[in-house]
């Protein structure tokens, strides 16, 4: 890969998983997916409309599949997921690094 780093070894993702047909309270389903991410050893940052996740491409995509499986097992007849994935070959950058970079600019 250009830059020398494997872009799939460390990806950043913004994930929104929506179980459909389960009523208005989604917190039990969100908690179930957060448990999947934790069990797989992924770095996460929960926010009000989803979760930021860091890990290898295979681990992140595998966790998405497992989340779908778990939510269906919980009774969700449909599950819809929106994902943004970012990869880099020039340098490693964590989710915390990205936030720190913006905060440093705000402090100028």
C-alpha atoms as a PDB file:
ATOM      1  CA  UNK A   1       0.000   0.000   0.000  1.00  0.00           C
ATOM      2  CA  UNK A   2       1.144   3.545  -0.660  1.00  0.00           C
ATOM      3  CA  UNK A   3       2.722   4.901   2.497  1.00  0.00           C
ATOM      4  CA  UNK A   4       3.633   1.438   3.687  1.00  0.00           C
ATOM      5  CA  UNK A   5       0.889   0.812   6.263  1.00  0.00           C
ATOM      6  CA  UNK A   6      -1.758  -1.856   5.870  1.00  0.00           C
ATOM      7  CA  UNK A   7      -4.981   0.192   5.618  1.00  0.00           C
ATOM      8  CA  UNK A   8      -7.064  -2.716   6.894  1.00  0.00           C
ATOM      9  CA  UNK A   9      -5.089  -3.308  10.089  1.00  0.00           C
ATOM     10  CA  UNK A  10      -6.586  -0.279  11.830  1.00  0.00           C
ATOM     11  CA  UNK A  11      -9.847   1.228  10.597  1.00  0.00           C
ATOM     12  CA  UNK A  12     -12.092   3.864  12.112  1.00  0.00           C
ATOM     13  CA  UNK A  13     -15.823   3.403  11.741  1.00  0.00           C
ATOM     14  CA  UNK A  14     -18.989   5.267  12.616  1.00  0.00           C
ATOM     15  CA  UNK A  15     -21.776   2.735  12.998  1.00  0.00           C
ATOM     16  CA  UNK A  16     -25.519   3.192  13.405  1.00  0.00           C
ATOM     17  CA  UNK A  17     -27.478  -0.038  13.817  1.00  0.00           C
ATOM     18  CA  UNK A  18     -31.261   0.246  13.848  1.00  0.00           C
ATOM     19  CA  UNK A  19     -33.515  -2.659  14.769  1.00  0.00           C
ATOM     20  CA  UNK A  20     -36.862  -2.137  13.049  1.00  0.00           C
ATOM     21  CA  UNK A  21     -40.227  -3.359  14.264  1.00  0.00           C
ATOM     22  CA  UNK A  22     -39.257  -3.421  17.952  1.00  0.00           C
ATOM     23  CA  UNK A  23     -40.999  -0.332  19.341  1.00  0.00           C
ATOM     24  CA  UNK A  24     -39.608   3.008  20.428  1.00  0.00           C
ATOM     25  CA  UNK A  25     -37.005   2.000  23.038  1.00  0.00           C
ATOM     26  CA  UNK A  26     -33.786   0.940  21.361  1.00  0.00           C
ATOM     27  CA  UNK A  27     -31.437   1.009  24.372  1.00  0.00           C
ATOM     28  CA  UNK A  28     -31.553  -2.783  24.995  1.00  0.00           C
ATOM     29  CA  UNK A  29     -30.464  -3.341  21.386  1.00  0.00           C
ATOM     30  CA  UNK A  30     -27.750  -0.691  21.548  1.00  0.00           C
ATOM     31  CA  UNK A  31     -26.448  -2.277  24.755  1.00  0.00           C
ATOM     32  CA  UNK A  32     -26.395  -5.699  23.083  1.00  0.00           C
ATOM     33  CA  UNK A  33     -24.238  -4.383  20.239  1.00  0.00           C
ATOM     34  CA  UNK A  34     -21.961  -2.527  22.661  1.00  0.00           C
ATOM     35  CA  UNK A  35     -21.408  -5.894  24.388  1.00  0.00           C
ATOM     36  CA  UNK A  36     -20.480  -7.447  21.032  1.00  0.00           C
ATOM     37  CA  UNK A  37     -17.918  -4.691  20.375  1.00  0.00           C
ATOM     38  CA  UNK A  38     -16.447  -5.083  23.870  1.00  0.00           C
ATOM     39  CA  UNK A  39     -16.282  -8.871  23.641  1.00  0.00           C
ATOM     40  CA  UNK A  40     -14.369  -8.549  20.364  1.00  0.00           C
ATOM     41  CA  UNK A  41     -11.885  -6.145  21.980  1.00  0.00           C
ATOM     42  CA  UNK A  42     -12.787  -3.149  19.815  1.00  0.00           C
ATOM     43  CA  UNK A  43     -12.214   0.411  20.988  1.00  0.00           C
ATOM     44  CA  UNK A  44     -15.550   2.226  21.068  1.00  0.00           C
ATOM     45  CA  UNK A  45     -17.001   5.614  21.763  1.00  0.00           C
ATOM     46  CA  UNK A  46     -20.796   5.628  22.108  1.00  0.00           C
ATOM     47  CA  UNK A  47     -22.589   8.787  21.005  1.00  0.00           C
ATOM     48  CA  UNK A  48     -26.232   9.773  20.756  1.00  0.00           C
ATOM     49  CA  UNK A  49     -26.736   8.481  17.197  1.00  0.00           C
ATOM     50  CA  UNK A  50     -24.335   5.557  17.011  1.00  0.00           C
ATOM     51  CA  UNK A  51     -20.921   4.289  17.990  1.00  0.00           C
ATOM     52  CA  UNK A  52     -17.426   5.090  16.784  1.00  0.00           C
ATOM     53  CA  UNK A  53     -15.379   1.894  16.564  1.00  0.00           C
ATOM     54  CA  UNK A  54     -11.682   1.170  16.014  1.00  0.00           C
ATOM     55  CA  UNK A  55     -10.148  -2.156  15.070  1.00  0.00           C
ATOM     56  CA  UNK A  56      -9.053  -4.237  12.134  1.00  0.00           C
ATOM     57  CA  UNK A  57     -11.321  -4.353   9.096  1.00  0.00           C
ATOM     58  CA  UNK A  58     -12.075  -8.025   9.742  1.00  0.00           C
ATOM     59  CA  UNK A  59     -12.902  -7.446  13.411  1.00  0.00           C
ATOM     60  CA  UNK A  60     -15.165  -4.454  12.743  1.00  0.00           C
ATOM     61  CA  UNK A  61     -17.059  -6.160   9.902  1.00  0.00           C
ATOM     62  CA  UNK A  62     -17.298  -9.376  11.918  1.00  0.00           C
ATOM     63  CA  UNK A  63     -18.754  -7.431  14.838  1.00  0.00           C
ATOM     64  CA  UNK A  64     -21.359  -5.884  12.522  1.00  0.00           C
ATOM     65  CA  UNK A  65     -22.473  -9.328  11.414  1.00  0.00           C
ATOM     66  CA  UNK A  66     -22.616 -10.514  15.017  1.00  0.00           C
ATOM     67  CA  UNK A  67     -24.684  -7.457  15.995  1.00  0.00           C
ATOM     68  CA  UNK A  68     -27.194  -8.297  13.272  1.00  0.00           C
ATOM     69  CA  UNK A  69     -27.334 -11.905  14.465  1.00  0.00           C
ATOM     70  CA  UNK A  70     -27.844 -10.853  18.096  1.00  0.00           C
ATOM     71  CA  UNK A  71     -30.566  -8.308  17.278  1.00  0.00           C
ATOM     72  CA  UNK A  72     -32.454 -10.836  15.180  1.00  0.00           C
ATOM     73  CA  UNK A  73     -32.173 -13.329  18.051  1.00  0.00           C
ATOM     74  CA  UNK A  74     -33.636 -10.627  20.325  1.00  0.00           C
ATOM     75  CA  UNK A  75     -36.709 -10.499  18.084  1.00  0.00           C
ATOM     76  CA  UNK A  76     -35.967  -7.689  15.641  1.00  0.00           C
ATOM     77  CA  UNK A  77     -37.545  -8.737  12.331  1.00  0.00           C
ATOM     78  CA  UNK A  78     -35.409  -6.202  10.425  1.00  0.00           C
ATOM     79  CA  UNK A  79     -32.039  -4.584  11.117  1.00  0.00           C
ATOM     80  CA  UNK A  80     -30.693  -1.653   9.137  1.00  0.00           C
ATOM     81  CA  UNK A  81     -27.090  -0.467   9.483  1.00  0.00           C
ATOM     82  CA  UNK A  82     -25.366   2.688   8.245  1.00  0.00           C
ATOM     83  CA  UNK A  83     -21.569   2.565   8.306  1.00  0.00           C
ATOM     84  CA  UNK A  84     -18.794   5.027   7.510  1.00  0.00           C
ATOM     85  CA  UNK A  85     -15.343   3.398   7.363  1.00  0.00           C
ATOM     86  CA  UNK A  86     -12.007   5.163   7.141  1.00  0.00           C
ATOM     87  CA  UNK A  87      -8.634   3.678   6.252  1.00  0.00           C
ATOM     88  CA  UNK A  88      -5.171   5.246   5.968  1.00  0.00           C
ATOM     89  CA  UNK A  89      -1.817   4.214   4.554  1.00  0.00           C
ATOM     90  CA  UNK A  90       0.204   7.299   5.541  1.00  0.00           C
ATOM     91  CA  UNK A  91       0.031   7.003   9.357  1.00  0.00           C
ATOM     92  CA  UNK A  92      -1.874   5.470  12.236  1.00  0.00           C
ATOM     93  CA  UNK A  93      -4.514   7.759  13.729  1.00  0.00           C
ATOM     94  CA  UNK A  94      -6.886   6.760  16.492  1.00  0.00           C
ATOM     95  CA  UNK A  95     -10.298   8.244  17.186  1.00  0.00           C
ATOM     96  CA  UNK A  96      -8.762  10.021  20.189  1.00  0.00           C
ATOM     97  CA  UNK A  97      -6.015  11.469  17.951  1.00  0.00           C
ATOM     98  CA  UNK A  98      -8.656  12.962  15.657  1.00  0.00           C
ATOM     99  CA  UNK A  99     -10.504  14.599  18.547  1.00  0.00           C
ATOM    100  CA  UNK A 100      -7.251  15.839  20.115  1.00  0.00           C
ATOM    101  CA  UNK A 101      -6.290  17.445  16.805  1.00  0.00           C
ATOM    102  CA  UNK A 102      -9.519  19.463  16.679  1.00  0.00           C
ATOM    103  CA  UNK A 103      -9.291  20.380  20.367  1.00  0.00           C
ATOM    104  CA  UNK A 104      -5.740  21.669  19.815  1.00  0.00           C
ATOM    105  CA  UNK A 105      -7.040  23.932  17.037  1.00  0.00           C
ATOM    106  CA  UNK A 106      -9.816  25.201  19.299  1.00  0.00           C
ATOM    107  CA  UNK A 107      -7.260  26.098  21.952  1.00  0.00           C
ATOM    108  CA  UNK A 108      -5.286  28.310  19.528  1.00  0.00           C
END
